[in-house]
Amino acid sequence: MISKKIYLLVLVCSISIHARAQQTPAAKQSKSVLILNATAHLGNGEMIENSAIGFVDGKINLVADARVIRLAEGAYNITIDAAGKHVYPGFIAPNSTLGLVEIDAVKSSDDEDEIGTMNPNVRSIIAYTADSKVIETVRPNGILMAQITPRGGTISGSSSIVQLDAWNWKDALIKENDGIHVNFPTSFRRLGSRFEPGGIETNKDYAKQVLELSAFLANAKAYLGDSSKDRNLVLESTKGLFDGNQTLFIHADEEKQIIDAVQFAKESGVKKMVIVGGYEAYKTAELLQKNNIGVLLKRVHEMPENDDHDIDLPYKAAKLLTDKGVLVGLENSGAHERMNTRNLPFLAGTCAAYGLDKEQALQLITSNTAKILGIDAQCGTLEQGKDATLFISEGDALDMRTNKLTNAFIQGRMISLETHQTKLNERYKTKYNQK
C-alpha cells in the first residue's frame, strides 16, 4: 500500500514537472526561408529598408536590397512577407546566469557558484539547465544567445556561450570555455546595506589581495612551463589565458581597479582581457583603447553610485566610451538579473536616447558583444555565411512599446515564442472575452 502511494506521488510529480517543462526545441532547418520587405538592421551600423534575407541549412546565404535583386521562382521553400516589420540579428546576453538558477529561494535549483576562492577549473556549462523556464521569458524579446557565467570567489571559473533553444548543454554550445572570470579586489568598501547605505572606507587589504591573485597566475604559468610535473587540474585550466585561446574577464568598476587590472593582466602574460562592469571605465578610456580592451558595461538602468556623479551617468556611459574608441557591449548582472535579462534590448534603447545613434546602440547587444566574446565570425550580424540566428519584430526592438516578435530563428530553426506568461495572457483573454 505504501509503495503504491509512493508510486502515485512520483507519477503526479513527474506529470507536474512535465507540464511545467520548456517547449520542445525546434527541429533542424529542413526548408529554406526568405524574409522579404522588412527593414533589416544588420547589427554592424548599417540598415536596408526593403531587404531580402535568405537562409538555408542554418546559415544566411542572402542579404540584399529586395528592390534591386531578382530571384528565380521557387528559389526558397518558404517566403515570409515582412513588409512594415523589422528584422534583427539575435541579441546576446553576456555575463549571464541564465540556466544556473531557477528559483532563488530554492537552494537545490541554485548552482551559480562553487566553494573556494580560486576556481579557474570550474566550468559553468556543466551546470547549465537548457530547459529552464526563465530562458523562455527572454526569447520573446529577441535574446537568443547568452554567455553562461559563474559567480563567487576571486576566480569564479570559466564561462561558455550558448544558444537558447536546446535539449541540453551540449546541444546549446556555441563556444565552450570562452573565458575565465576574475573578481578583481576593490580598493574601497561601502559600509551599511543596500537598504541603508553607509559611508565608504579604504580596503586595507587591497595590495595583499592583488598580490595573491598575481602569485596564483605566476604559479600557474610556471606550472605550465614545467615539462616534468604531477598533474594539477586547477593550474592546468588556466592554459588558455596564456596561449590566447581564452579571454580573461576582469570584473571591476572603479578607476583604480581598472588601471591596476590592466597592469596585472600585462604582467601576468595574459593575451586577451575584457573589463566587466566598468562603471568608471570612461575615466580610463584612453588606456583601454590603447590596449584594445573591450568593456561589457554594467546595467545602465541604475542610479549613480556616488553622490557627486551626474544623475545621467549610467545612461551616458556607453556613449562616453564609444566616442573614445572603446569597444562596448552591455551586460545585465545585478539584482534579479535572470528575470531582468528580457530587458536587455531596452538598456540599448536607453543608450540610444542618451546620445548614441540607434544603429550604434543596437551594436551594443549584437556585433560588439560578439566581437568581445570572440564569436563574431559566427553570429552578431546579418551577413552571408553566419548563423541564421535572427528575429522579426513588428516595430523597433529597442523600444518596449514596439518590441513584438512575430518570428524568431536560431541557426535557421523557427523557435517557439510561447511562455508561461503568454499562456496566462490567452487564458484570461478567454475568461473576459477579449480579443
Protein backbone atom coordinates (compact mmCIF):
# COMPACT_ATOMS: atom_id res chain seq x y z
CA MET A 1 0.00 0.00 0.00
CA ILE A 2 2.78 2.39 0.94
CA SER A 3 4.72 1.56 -2.21
CA LYS A 4 1.58 2.23 -4.26
CA LYS A 5 1.21 5.66 -2.66
CA ILE A 6 4.86 6.43 -3.35
CA TYR A 7 4.40 5.37 -6.97
CA LEU A 8 1.36 7.63 -7.35
CA LEU A 9 3.23 10.52 -5.75
CA VAL A 10 6.18 10.09 -8.11
CA LEU A 11 3.77 9.85 -11.05
CA VAL A 12 1.99 13.06 -10.04
CA CYS A 13 5.29 14.87 -9.59
CA SER A 14 6.50 13.65 -12.96
CA ILE A 15 3.35 14.88 -14.66
CA SER A 16 3.64 18.20 -12.85
CA ILE A 17 7.25 18.65 -13.89
CA HIS A 18 6.42 17.68 -17.47
CA ALA A 19 3.60 20.19 -17.54
CA ARG A 20 5.96 22.95 -16.48
CA ALA A 21 8.73 21.96 -18.86
CA GLN A 22 10.01 24.21 -21.63
CA GLN A 23 8.78 23.75 -25.17
CA THR A 24 10.39 21.08 -27.29
CA PRO A 25 13.41 22.58 -29.10
CA ALA A 26 12.83 23.22 -32.78
CA ALA A 27 13.99 20.65 -35.32
CA LYS A 28 16.97 21.30 -37.60
CA GLN A 29 16.14 23.57 -40.53
CA SER A 30 14.95 21.48 -43.48
CA LYS A 31 13.31 24.15 -45.70
CA SER A 32 14.99 27.30 -46.95
CA VAL A 33 13.46 30.59 -45.78
CA LEU A 34 13.29 34.02 -47.40
CA ILE A 35 12.24 37.12 -45.44
CA LEU A 36 11.14 39.90 -47.79
CA ASN A 37 10.45 43.63 -47.50
CA ALA A 38 11.40 44.09 -43.84
CA THR A 39 13.67 46.89 -42.64
CA ALA A 40 16.85 44.94 -41.89
CA HIS A 41 19.07 46.16 -39.08
CA LEU A 42 22.31 44.36 -39.90
CA GLY A 43 23.95 44.86 -36.49
CA ASN A 44 27.08 46.49 -37.97
CA GLY A 45 25.68 50.01 -38.09
CA GLU A 46 24.01 49.53 -41.48
CA MET A 47 20.35 49.19 -42.42
CA ILE A 48 18.45 48.03 -45.53
CA GLU A 49 14.93 49.45 -45.78
CA ASN A 50 13.43 46.87 -48.16
CA SER A 51 15.51 43.81 -47.52
CA ALA A 52 15.77 40.24 -48.69
CA ILE A 53 17.22 37.93 -46.06
CA GLY A 54 17.56 34.26 -47.03
CA PHE A 55 18.92 31.29 -45.15
CA VAL A 56 19.32 27.57 -45.68
CA ASP A 57 20.77 24.77 -43.53
CA GLY A 58 21.05 27.17 -40.61
CA LYS A 59 23.24 29.72 -42.43
CA ILE A 60 22.44 33.06 -44.02
CA ASN A 61 23.06 32.94 -47.78
CA LEU A 62 21.39 36.17 -48.91
CA VAL A 63 21.44 39.73 -47.55
CA ALA A 64 20.33 42.23 -50.16
CA ASP A 65 18.03 45.08 -51.15
CA ALA A 66 14.82 43.44 -52.35
CA ARG A 67 14.31 46.25 -54.87
CA VAL A 68 17.47 45.52 -56.87
CA ILE A 69 17.70 41.73 -56.95
CA ARG A 70 15.91 39.06 -58.90
CA LEU A 71 15.31 35.61 -57.54
CA ALA A 72 14.27 32.57 -59.51
CA GLU A 73 10.76 31.35 -58.76
CA GLY A 74 10.90 28.76 -56.02
CA ALA A 75 14.44 29.73 -55.00
CA TYR A 76 13.31 29.38 -51.38
CA ASN A 77 10.81 26.92 -49.95
CA ILE A 78 9.18 29.43 -47.58
CA THR A 79 8.73 33.16 -48.14
CA ILE A 80 7.75 35.46 -45.27
CA ASP A 81 6.39 38.86 -46.33
CA ALA A 82 7.55 41.14 -43.52
CA ALA A 83 6.54 44.46 -45.06
CA GLY A 84 6.33 47.16 -42.39
CA LYS A 85 8.27 44.99 -39.92
CA HIS A 86 11.90 44.86 -38.80
CA VAL A 87 14.46 42.06 -38.84
CA TYR A 88 17.39 41.93 -36.41
CA PRO A 89 20.28 39.61 -35.55
CA GLY A 90 19.64 37.72 -32.32
CA PHE A 91 20.59 39.66 -29.20
CA ILE A 92 23.38 38.32 -26.97
CA ALA A 93 23.30 38.44 -23.14
CA PRO A 94 26.88 38.32 -21.79
CA ASN A 95 27.87 37.70 -18.16
CA SER A 96 24.58 35.92 -17.53
CA THR A 97 23.45 33.26 -15.05
CA LEU A 98 20.53 32.05 -17.15
CA GLY A 99 20.08 28.33 -16.65
CA LEU A 100 22.21 28.26 -13.48
CA VAL A 101 19.48 29.33 -11.07
CA GLU A 102 15.80 28.56 -11.44
CA ILE A 103 14.29 29.83 -8.19
CA ASP A 104 16.44 31.96 -5.89
CA ALA A 105 14.68 30.76 -2.75
CA VAL A 106 15.15 27.07 -3.63
CA LYS A 107 18.74 26.11 -2.84
CA SER A 108 18.64 22.91 -4.88
CA SER A 109 17.96 24.96 -8.04
CA ASP A 110 20.85 27.38 -7.42
CA ASP A 111 24.15 26.31 -9.00
CA GLU A 112 25.87 29.58 -9.89
CA ASP A 113 28.96 29.42 -7.67
CA GLU A 114 31.44 26.98 -6.16
CA ILE A 115 33.13 26.67 -2.77
CA GLY A 116 36.59 28.26 -2.61
CA THR A 117 38.24 31.44 -3.89
CA MET A 118 40.49 30.34 -6.80
CA ASN A 119 38.37 28.19 -9.12
CA PRO A 120 39.60 28.57 -12.73
CA ASN A 121 38.78 24.89 -13.23
CA VAL A 122 35.05 25.34 -12.52
CA ARG A 123 33.04 25.07 -15.76
CA SER A 124 29.65 26.78 -15.60
CA ILE A 125 28.40 24.98 -18.70
CA ILE A 126 28.04 21.58 -16.99
CA ALA A 127 25.54 23.14 -14.56
CA TYR A 128 23.54 24.83 -17.32
CA THR A 129 19.89 23.80 -17.46
CA ALA A 130 18.77 24.16 -21.06
CA ASP A 131 15.08 23.72 -20.27
CA SER A 132 14.94 26.46 -17.64
CA LYS A 133 11.61 28.25 -17.52
CA VAL A 134 13.46 31.56 -17.11
CA ILE A 135 15.09 31.10 -20.51
CA GLU A 136 11.64 31.05 -22.09
CA THR A 137 10.99 34.58 -20.86
CA VAL A 138 13.91 36.19 -22.68
CA ARG A 139 13.38 34.82 -26.19
CA PRO A 140 10.19 36.79 -26.98
CA ASN A 141 12.24 39.98 -26.63
CA GLY A 142 14.89 38.81 -29.09
CA ILE A 143 17.57 37.47 -26.73
CA LEU A 144 18.64 34.26 -28.44
CA MET A 145 22.20 33.71 -27.13
CA ALA A 146 23.93 34.09 -23.77
CA GLN A 147 27.30 33.78 -22.07
CA ILE A 148 26.73 31.49 -19.09
CA THR A 149 28.97 32.80 -16.32
CA PRO A 150 29.77 31.53 -12.82
CA ARG A 151 29.76 33.74 -9.74
CA GLY A 152 31.61 33.88 -6.45
CA GLY A 153 35.21 33.73 -5.24
CA THR A 154 38.16 35.65 -6.58
CA ILE A 155 38.44 33.47 -9.70
CA SER A 156 34.89 32.29 -10.36
CA GLY A 157 35.59 29.82 -13.18
CA SER A 158 35.03 29.61 -16.92
CA SER A 159 32.03 30.74 -18.93
CA SER A 160 30.59 29.28 -22.13
CA ILE A 161 28.38 30.73 -24.85
CA VAL A 162 25.09 29.06 -25.76
CA GLN A 163 22.07 29.44 -27.98
CA LEU A 164 18.79 29.44 -26.08
CA ASP A 165 16.83 26.62 -27.71
CA ALA A 166 18.34 23.25 -26.93
CA TRP A 167 17.75 19.85 -25.35
CA ASN A 168 20.84 20.02 -23.16
CA TRP A 169 24.03 21.98 -22.63
CA LYS A 170 25.95 20.05 -25.29
CA ASP A 171 23.35 20.89 -27.92
CA ALA A 172 23.28 24.52 -26.76
CA LEU A 173 27.02 25.22 -27.12
CA ILE A 174 28.28 27.92 -29.45
CA LYS A 175 31.68 28.32 -27.79
CA GLU A 176 32.84 26.22 -24.84
CA ASN A 177 35.04 27.69 -22.09
CA ASP A 178 35.42 31.04 -23.85
CA GLY A 179 36.99 32.77 -20.85
CA ILE A 180 37.85 32.80 -17.15
CA HIS A 181 36.24 35.32 -14.81
CA VAL A 182 38.07 37.20 -12.06
CA ASN A 183 36.50 39.45 -9.42
CA PHE A 184 39.28 41.99 -9.01
CA PRO A 185 39.79 43.26 -5.44
CA THR A 186 38.14 46.60 -4.65
CA SER A 187 40.18 49.48 -3.27
CA PHE A 188 37.21 50.82 -1.30
CA ARG A 189 34.42 49.21 0.71
CA ARG A 190 30.92 50.59 1.08
CA LEU A 191 29.55 50.22 4.59
CA GLY A 192 25.95 49.52 5.56
CA SER A 193 23.48 47.57 3.43
CA ARG A 194 21.70 48.02 0.16
CA PHE A 195 18.71 49.35 2.04
CA GLU A 196 20.67 51.56 4.45
CA PRO A 197 23.92 52.53 2.69
CA GLY A 198 26.71 53.74 4.91
CA GLY A 199 29.96 55.53 4.24
CA ILE A 200 32.99 54.41 2.25
CA GLU A 201 36.26 53.14 3.73
CA THR A 202 39.59 52.12 2.24
CA ASN A 203 40.24 48.41 1.74
CA LYS A 204 43.43 48.00 3.77
CA ASP A 205 43.99 44.52 2.32
CA TYR A 206 43.80 45.68 -1.31
CA ALA A 207 47.51 45.37 -2.12
CA LYS A 208 47.70 41.96 -0.41
CA GLN A 209 44.68 40.65 -2.35
CA VAL A 210 46.08 41.82 -5.69
CA LEU A 211 49.42 40.19 -4.82
CA GLU A 212 47.70 36.88 -4.04
CA LEU A 213 45.95 36.96 -7.40
CA SER A 214 49.19 37.76 -9.22
CA ALA A 215 51.01 34.99 -7.37
CA PHE A 216 48.35 32.47 -8.37
CA LEU A 217 48.70 33.24 -12.08
CA ALA A 218 52.51 33.30 -11.76
CA ASN A 219 52.39 29.79 -10.24
CA ALA A 220 50.03 28.67 -12.99
CA LYS A 221 52.38 29.99 -15.69
CA ALA A 222 55.37 28.31 -14.05
CA TYR A 223 53.47 25.04 -13.79
CA LEU A 224 52.52 25.14 -17.48
CA GLY A 225 56.16 25.72 -18.43
CA ASP A 226 57.38 22.70 -16.45
CA SER A 227 57.53 19.56 -18.59
CA SER A 228 58.12 17.14 -15.71
CA LYS A 229 55.31 17.65 -13.27
CA ASP A 230 52.50 15.99 -11.42
CA ARG A 231 49.18 16.97 -12.94
CA ASN A 232 47.37 19.90 -11.30
CA LEU A 233 43.95 20.38 -12.89
CA VAL A 234 43.36 23.76 -11.21
CA LEU A 235 46.52 25.32 -12.61
CA GLU A 236 46.21 23.45 -15.89
CA SER A 237 42.80 25.05 -16.53
CA THR A 238 44.45 28.49 -16.93
CA LYS A 239 46.41 27.47 -20.03
CA GLY A 240 44.05 29.25 -22.42
CA LEU A 241 44.82 32.62 -20.82
CA PHE A 242 48.48 32.38 -21.81
CA ASP A 243 48.10 30.93 -25.33
CA GLY A 244 45.26 33.24 -26.37
CA ASN A 245 42.52 30.60 -26.58
CA GLN A 246 40.63 32.13 -23.65
CA THR A 247 39.80 35.66 -22.55
CA LEU A 248 40.35 36.94 -19.03
CA PHE A 249 37.14 38.69 -17.99
CA ILE A 250 38.00 41.01 -15.11
CA HIS A 251 35.03 42.28 -13.13
CA ALA A 252 35.95 45.79 -12.00
CA ASP A 253 34.13 49.12 -11.64
CA GLU A 254 36.48 51.62 -10.00
CA GLU A 255 39.04 53.68 -11.92
CA LYS A 256 41.94 52.39 -9.80
CA GLN A 257 40.65 48.81 -10.11
CA ILE A 258 40.60 49.02 -13.89
CA ILE A 259 44.05 50.60 -14.18
CA ASP A 260 45.55 48.01 -11.82
CA ALA A 261 43.69 45.19 -13.58
CA VAL A 262 45.20 46.13 -16.94
CA GLN A 263 48.68 46.23 -15.40
CA PHE A 264 48.02 42.92 -13.64
CA ALA A 265 46.98 41.19 -16.86
CA LYS A 266 50.03 42.51 -18.73
CA GLU A 267 52.47 41.44 -16.04
CA SER A 268 50.83 38.01 -15.80
CA GLY A 269 51.27 37.38 -19.52
CA VAL A 270 47.54 37.21 -20.30
CA LYS A 271 46.91 37.53 -24.05
CA LYS A 272 43.31 38.85 -24.07
CA MET A 273 41.25 40.63 -21.43
CA VAL A 274 37.87 42.34 -21.08
CA ILE A 275 36.53 44.62 -18.35
CA VAL A 276 33.13 43.57 -16.99
CA GLY A 277 31.08 46.18 -15.12
CA GLY A 278 33.25 49.18 -15.92
CA TYR A 279 31.22 51.83 -14.09
CA GLU A 280 34.20 54.23 -14.13
CA ALA A 281 35.71 52.86 -17.32
CA TYR A 282 35.09 56.20 -19.07
CA LYS A 283 37.86 57.66 -16.87
CA THR A 284 40.31 55.08 -18.26
CA ALA A 285 39.06 55.09 -21.86
CA GLU A 286 42.41 56.08 -23.35
CA LEU A 287 44.18 53.20 -21.55
CA LEU A 288 41.53 50.69 -22.66
CA GLN A 289 41.55 51.88 -26.27
CA LYS A 290 45.34 51.82 -26.44
CA ASN A 291 45.43 48.22 -25.21
CA ASN A 292 42.45 47.08 -27.31
CA ILE A 293 40.42 46.12 -24.24
CA GLY A 294 36.65 45.89 -24.58
CA VAL A 295 34.10 46.66 -21.87
CA LEU A 296 30.93 44.78 -21.01
CA LEU A 297 29.18 47.71 -19.37
CA LYS A 298 27.07 47.10 -16.27
CA ARG A 299 23.30 47.57 -16.29
CA VAL A 300 22.54 51.15 -17.38
CA HIS A 301 19.11 51.22 -15.72
CA GLU A 302 20.69 52.18 -12.42
CA MET A 303 21.22 55.20 -10.21
CA PRO A 304 24.70 56.79 -9.97
CA GLU A 305 26.90 55.08 -7.38
CA ASN A 306 28.27 58.26 -5.82
CA ASP A 307 26.53 61.44 -4.69
CA ASP A 308 28.72 63.70 -6.81
CA HIS A 309 28.12 61.83 -10.07
CA ASP A 310 25.93 63.07 -12.89
CA ILE A 311 22.42 61.65 -12.42
CA ASP A 312 22.52 60.53 -16.07
CA LEU A 313 25.99 58.95 -15.92
CA PRO A 314 24.82 55.29 -16.19
CA TYR A 315 22.73 56.19 -19.26
CA LYS A 316 25.59 58.06 -20.96
CA ALA A 317 28.46 55.70 -20.12
CA ALA A 318 28.19 53.72 -23.38
CA LYS A 319 28.30 56.95 -25.40
CA LEU A 320 31.32 58.26 -23.47
CA LEU A 321 33.27 55.05 -24.09
CA THR A 322 32.20 54.66 -27.73
CA ASP A 323 33.29 58.21 -28.54
CA LYS A 324 36.75 57.36 -27.17
CA GLY A 325 37.05 54.33 -29.46
CA VAL A 326 36.43 51.64 -26.84
CA LEU A 327 34.52 48.53 -27.92
CA VAL A 328 31.42 48.38 -25.69
CA GLY A 329 28.79 45.72 -25.03
CA LEU A 330 26.00 45.67 -22.44
CA GLU A 331 25.53 43.16 -19.63
CA ASN A 332 22.71 42.88 -17.13
CA SER A 333 24.11 41.46 -13.87
CA GLY A 334 22.73 42.67 -10.57
CA ALA A 335 19.52 42.30 -8.59
CA HIS A 336 17.04 39.89 -10.19
CA GLU A 337 19.40 39.59 -13.15
CA ARG A 338 17.87 36.49 -14.69
CA MET A 339 14.33 37.86 -14.57
CA ASN A 340 15.62 41.17 -15.95
CA THR A 341 17.56 39.65 -18.84
CA ARG A 342 14.50 40.14 -21.04
CA ASN A 343 15.04 43.91 -20.68
CA LEU A 344 18.46 43.83 -22.38
CA PRO A 345 17.23 45.49 -25.62
CA PHE A 346 15.71 48.32 -23.61
CA LEU A 347 19.08 49.02 -22.00
CA ALA A 348 20.39 49.58 -25.52
CA GLY A 349 17.35 51.75 -26.23
CA THR A 350 18.23 53.94 -23.25
CA CYS A 351 21.79 54.33 -24.57
CA ALA A 352 20.27 55.49 -27.87
CA ALA A 353 18.12 58.02 -26.01
CA TYR A 354 21.26 59.40 -24.34
CA GLY A 355 23.49 60.09 -27.28
CA LEU A 356 24.17 57.01 -29.38
CA ASP A 357 22.77 56.57 -32.86
CA LYS A 358 20.05 53.87 -32.87
CA GLU A 359 22.14 51.51 -35.02
CA GLN A 360 25.18 52.11 -32.78
CA ALA A 361 23.05 51.23 -29.76
CA LEU A 362 21.97 48.03 -31.48
CA GLN A 363 25.63 47.06 -31.85
CA LEU A 364 25.96 47.09 -28.04
CA ILE A 365 23.93 43.87 -27.86
CA THR A 366 24.86 42.31 -31.21
CA SER A 367 28.13 42.77 -33.12
CA ASN A 368 30.11 44.49 -30.35
CA THR A 369 29.24 41.78 -27.85
CA ALA A 370 30.02 39.09 -30.42
CA LYS A 371 33.46 40.64 -31.02
CA ILE A 372 34.17 40.89 -27.28
CA LEU A 373 33.18 37.23 -26.80
CA GLY A 374 35.12 36.08 -29.86
CA ILE A 375 32.13 34.70 -31.77
CA ASP A 376 31.78 37.45 -34.39
CA ALA A 377 32.78 35.10 -37.22
CA GLN A 378 29.67 33.04 -36.45
CA CYS A 379 26.99 35.47 -35.28
CA GLY A 380 26.20 39.02 -34.17
CA THR A 381 25.31 40.47 -37.59
CA LEU A 382 23.13 39.67 -40.58
CA GLU A 383 25.81 38.62 -43.06
CA GLN A 384 26.25 35.81 -45.56
CA GLY A 385 27.87 32.74 -44.06
CA LYS A 386 26.85 33.49 -40.48
CA ASP A 387 24.32 31.60 -38.35
CA ALA A 388 20.70 32.35 -39.19
CA THR A 389 20.01 33.48 -35.62
CA LEU A 390 17.62 36.36 -36.08
CA PHE A 391 14.07 37.56 -35.48
CA ILE A 392 11.27 39.64 -36.96
CA SER A 393 9.65 42.36 -34.85
CA GLU A 394 6.55 44.40 -35.59
CA GLY A 395 8.45 47.56 -34.63
CA ASP A 396 11.63 48.94 -33.09
CA ALA A 397 13.11 46.13 -30.98
CA LEU A 398 14.89 48.58 -28.66
CA ASP A 399 11.56 50.14 -27.61
CA MET A 400 9.45 48.16 -25.13
CA ARG A 401 6.30 49.57 -26.72
CA THR A 402 7.07 48.14 -30.16
CA ASN A 403 9.28 45.11 -29.46
CA LYS A 404 6.74 42.49 -30.53
CA LEU A 405 8.24 39.43 -32.16
CA THR A 406 6.32 37.54 -34.83
CA ASN A 407 9.06 35.03 -35.73
CA ALA A 408 12.41 34.02 -34.29
CA PHE A 409 15.05 31.68 -35.67
CA ILE A 410 18.10 30.11 -34.02
CA GLN A 411 20.55 28.61 -36.52
CA GLY A 412 17.73 28.54 -39.05
CA ARG A 413 15.26 26.76 -36.78
CA MET A 414 11.98 28.57 -36.15
CA ILE A 415 11.59 28.54 -32.38
CA SER A 416 8.53 28.83 -30.19
CA LEU A 417 7.85 32.21 -28.58
CA GLU A 418 5.32 30.77 -26.18
CA THR A 419 5.93 31.26 -22.45
CA HIS A 420 4.08 30.73 -19.21
CA GLN A 421 3.16 34.41 -19.39
CA THR A 422 1.71 34.20 -22.91
CA LYS A 423 -0.35 31.18 -21.86
CA LEU A 424 -1.78 33.13 -18.92
CA ASN A 425 -2.49 36.06 -21.21
CA GLU A 426 -4.51 33.87 -23.57
CA ARG A 427 -6.25 32.17 -20.67
CA TYR A 428 -7.52 35.39 -19.15
CA LYS A 429 -8.38 36.95 -22.50
CA THR A 430 -10.70 33.98 -22.98
CA LYS A 431 -12.14 34.39 -19.49
CA TYR A 432 -13.01 38.06 -20.09
CA ASN A 433 -13.97 37.64 -23.76
CA GLN A 434 -11.12 39.78 -25.01
CA LYS A 435 -9.55 39.51 -28.44
